[in-house]
Amino acid sequence: MPAPLRNPTLALVGLGVVALLCIQLLRHAITLETAAWRALLTVAVLAAVDRIALPIGRAMLSASGAKPRVDAADNDDQRRVP
């Protein structure tokens, strides 16, 4: 079974696309076969973006010198002198 998307924003985009397909089906604007192909294409594209494009983008940002976010708890530990 395929793993779910890791990014909740991409999951919401996929949900929106499926909702639009449902509306088009109810209005008889597209056929069931067309809706199925569009849904499969949407899932494939979102999975590729989630598994390939986002990690590459994050790696490029971290390599460019952008500082990662530091939690407040980590900040407190660094200020303490032993």
C-alpha atoms as a PDB file:
ATOM      1  CA  MET A   1       0.000   0.000   0.000  1.00  0.00           C
ATOM      2  CA  PRO A   2       1.420   3.419  -0.887  1.00  0.00           C
ATOM      3  CA  ALA A   3       2.435   5.740   1.931  1.00  0.00           C
ATOM      4  CA  PRO A   4       0.343   8.856   2.534  1.00  0.00           C
ATOM      5  CA  LEU A   5       1.588  12.310   1.679  1.00  0.00           C
ATOM      6  CA  ARG A   6       3.901  13.804   4.280  1.00  0.00           C
ATOM      7  CA  ASN A   7       2.957  17.403   3.583  1.00  0.00           C
ATOM      8  CA  PRO A   8      -0.546  18.376   4.753  1.00  0.00           C
ATOM      9  CA  THR A   9      -0.731  21.280   2.295  1.00  0.00           C
ATOM     10  CA  LEU A  10      -0.306  18.929  -0.650  1.00  0.00           C
ATOM     11  CA  ALA A  11      -2.967  16.654   0.806  1.00  0.00           C
ATOM     12  CA  LEU A  12      -5.382  19.589   0.956  1.00  0.00           C
ATOM     13  CA  VAL A  13      -4.584  20.458  -2.664  1.00  0.00           C
ATOM     14  CA  GLY A  14      -5.390  16.874  -3.640  1.00  0.00           C
ATOM     15  CA  LEU A  15      -8.641  17.018  -1.686  1.00  0.00           C
ATOM     16  CA  GLY A  16      -9.585  20.224  -3.506  1.00  0.00           C
ATOM     17  CA  VAL A  17      -8.905  18.665  -6.903  1.00  0.00           C
ATOM     18  CA  VAL A  18     -11.030  15.634  -6.038  1.00  0.00           C
ATOM     19  CA  ALA A  19     -13.825  17.946  -4.852  1.00  0.00           C
ATOM     20  CA  LEU A  20     -13.712  19.805  -8.175  1.00  0.00           C
ATOM     21  CA  LEU A  21     -13.876  16.495 -10.029  1.00  0.00           C
ATOM     22  CA  CYS A  22     -16.927  15.516  -7.991  1.00  0.00           C
ATOM     23  CA  ILE A  23     -18.671  18.773  -8.857  1.00  0.00           C
ATOM     24  CA  GLN A  24     -17.899  18.273 -12.545  1.00  0.00           C
ATOM     25  CA  LEU A  25     -19.266  14.737 -12.365  1.00  0.00           C
ATOM     26  CA  LEU A  26     -22.483  15.927 -10.728  1.00  0.00           C
ATOM     27  CA  ARG A  27     -22.946  18.538 -13.461  1.00  0.00           C
ATOM     28  CA  HIS A  28     -22.255  15.926 -16.167  1.00  0.00           C
ATOM     29  CA  ALA A  29     -19.383  18.044 -17.450  1.00  0.00           C
ATOM     30  CA  ILE A  30     -16.987  15.069 -17.588  1.00  0.00           C
ATOM     31  CA  THR A  31     -17.335  11.311 -17.780  1.00  0.00           C
ATOM     32  CA  LEU A  32     -16.437   8.898 -15.006  1.00  0.00           C
ATOM     33  CA  GLU A  33     -13.453   7.615 -16.980  1.00  0.00           C
ATOM     34  CA  THR A  34     -12.106  11.143 -17.456  1.00  0.00           C
ATOM     35  CA  ALA A  35     -12.528  11.886 -13.759  1.00  0.00           C
ATOM     36  CA  ALA A  36     -10.685   8.691 -12.852  1.00  0.00           C
ATOM     37  CA  TRP A  37      -7.743   9.534 -15.116  1.00  0.00           C
ATOM     38  CA  ARG A  38      -7.549  13.062 -13.722  1.00  0.00           C
ATOM     39  CA  ALA A  39      -7.650  11.751 -10.152  1.00  0.00           C
ATOM     40  CA  LEU A  40      -4.850   9.256 -10.892  1.00  0.00           C
ATOM     41  CA  LEU A  41      -2.771  11.971 -12.518  1.00  0.00           C
ATOM     42  CA  THR A  42      -3.337  14.245  -9.519  1.00  0.00           C
ATOM     43  CA  VAL A  43      -2.212  11.554  -7.084  1.00  0.00           C
ATOM     44  CA  ALA A  44       0.875  10.775  -9.174  1.00  0.00           C
ATOM     45  CA  VAL A  45       1.905  14.424  -9.460  1.00  0.00           C
ATOM     46  CA  LEU A  46       1.334  15.148  -5.766  1.00  0.00           C
ATOM     47  CA  ALA A  47       3.289  12.045  -4.742  1.00  0.00           C
ATOM     48  CA  ALA A  48       6.184  13.019  -7.021  1.00  0.00           C
ATOM     49  CA  VAL A  49       6.226  16.554  -5.638  1.00  0.00           C
ATOM     50  CA  ASP A  50       6.063  15.260  -2.058  1.00  0.00           C
ATOM     51  CA  ARG A  51       8.784  12.627  -2.494  1.00  0.00           C
ATOM     52  CA  ILE A  52      11.122  14.371  -4.961  1.00  0.00           C
ATOM     53  CA  ALA A  53      10.595  18.108  -5.404  1.00  0.00           C
ATOM     54  CA  LEU A  54      10.128  19.164  -1.780  1.00  0.00           C
ATOM     55  CA  PRO A  55      13.214  17.348  -0.436  1.00  0.00           C
ATOM     56  CA  ILE A  56      15.336  18.762  -3.270  1.00  0.00           C
ATOM     57  CA  GLY A  57      13.997  22.249  -2.580  1.00  0.00           C
ATOM     58  CA  ARG A  58      14.708  21.936   1.127  1.00  0.00           C
ATOM     59  CA  ALA A  59      18.223  20.689   0.401  1.00  0.00           C
ATOM     60  CA  MET A  60      18.857  23.588  -1.942  1.00  0.00           C
ATOM     61  CA  LEU A  61      17.665  26.080   0.671  1.00  0.00           C
ATOM     62  CA  SER A  62      19.823  24.578   3.390  1.00  0.00           C
ATOM     63  CA  ALA A  63      22.850  24.508   1.071  1.00  0.00           C
ATOM     64  CA  SER A  64      22.354  28.162   0.187  1.00  0.00           C
ATOM     65  CA  GLY A  65      23.046  29.243   3.746  1.00  0.00           C
ATOM     66  CA  ALA A  66      19.508  29.646   5.043  1.00  0.00           C
ATOM     67  CA  LYS A  67      19.540  29.006   8.767  1.00  0.00           C
ATOM     68  CA  PRO A  68      17.245  26.255  10.069  1.00  0.00           C
ATOM     69  CA  ARG A  69      14.696  27.129  12.707  1.00  0.00           C
ATOM     70  CA  VAL A  70      15.848  26.615  16.282  1.00  0.00           C
ATOM     71  CA  ASP A  71      13.410  25.765  19.051  1.00  0.00           C
ATOM     72  CA  ALA A  72      13.350  27.845  22.211  1.00  0.00           C
ATOM     73  CA  ALA A  73      14.393  24.824  24.297  1.00  0.00           C
ATOM     74  CA  ASP A  74      17.532  24.375  22.190  1.00  0.00           C
ATOM     75  CA  ASN A  75      18.309  28.069  22.521  1.00  0.00           C
ATOM     76  CA  ASP A  76      18.189  27.922  26.330  1.00  0.00           C
ATOM     77  CA  ASP A  77      20.652  25.014  26.442  1.00  0.00           C
ATOM     78  CA  GLN A  78      23.182  26.931  24.367  1.00  0.00           C
ATOM     79  CA  ARG A  79      23.114  29.973  26.642  1.00  0.00           C
ATOM     80  CA  ARG A  80      23.959  28.033  29.802  1.00  0.00           C
ATOM     81  CA  VAL A  81      27.598  28.013  30.807  1.00  0.00           C
ATOM     82  CA  PRO A  82      28.838  24.761  32.386  1.00  0.00           C
END
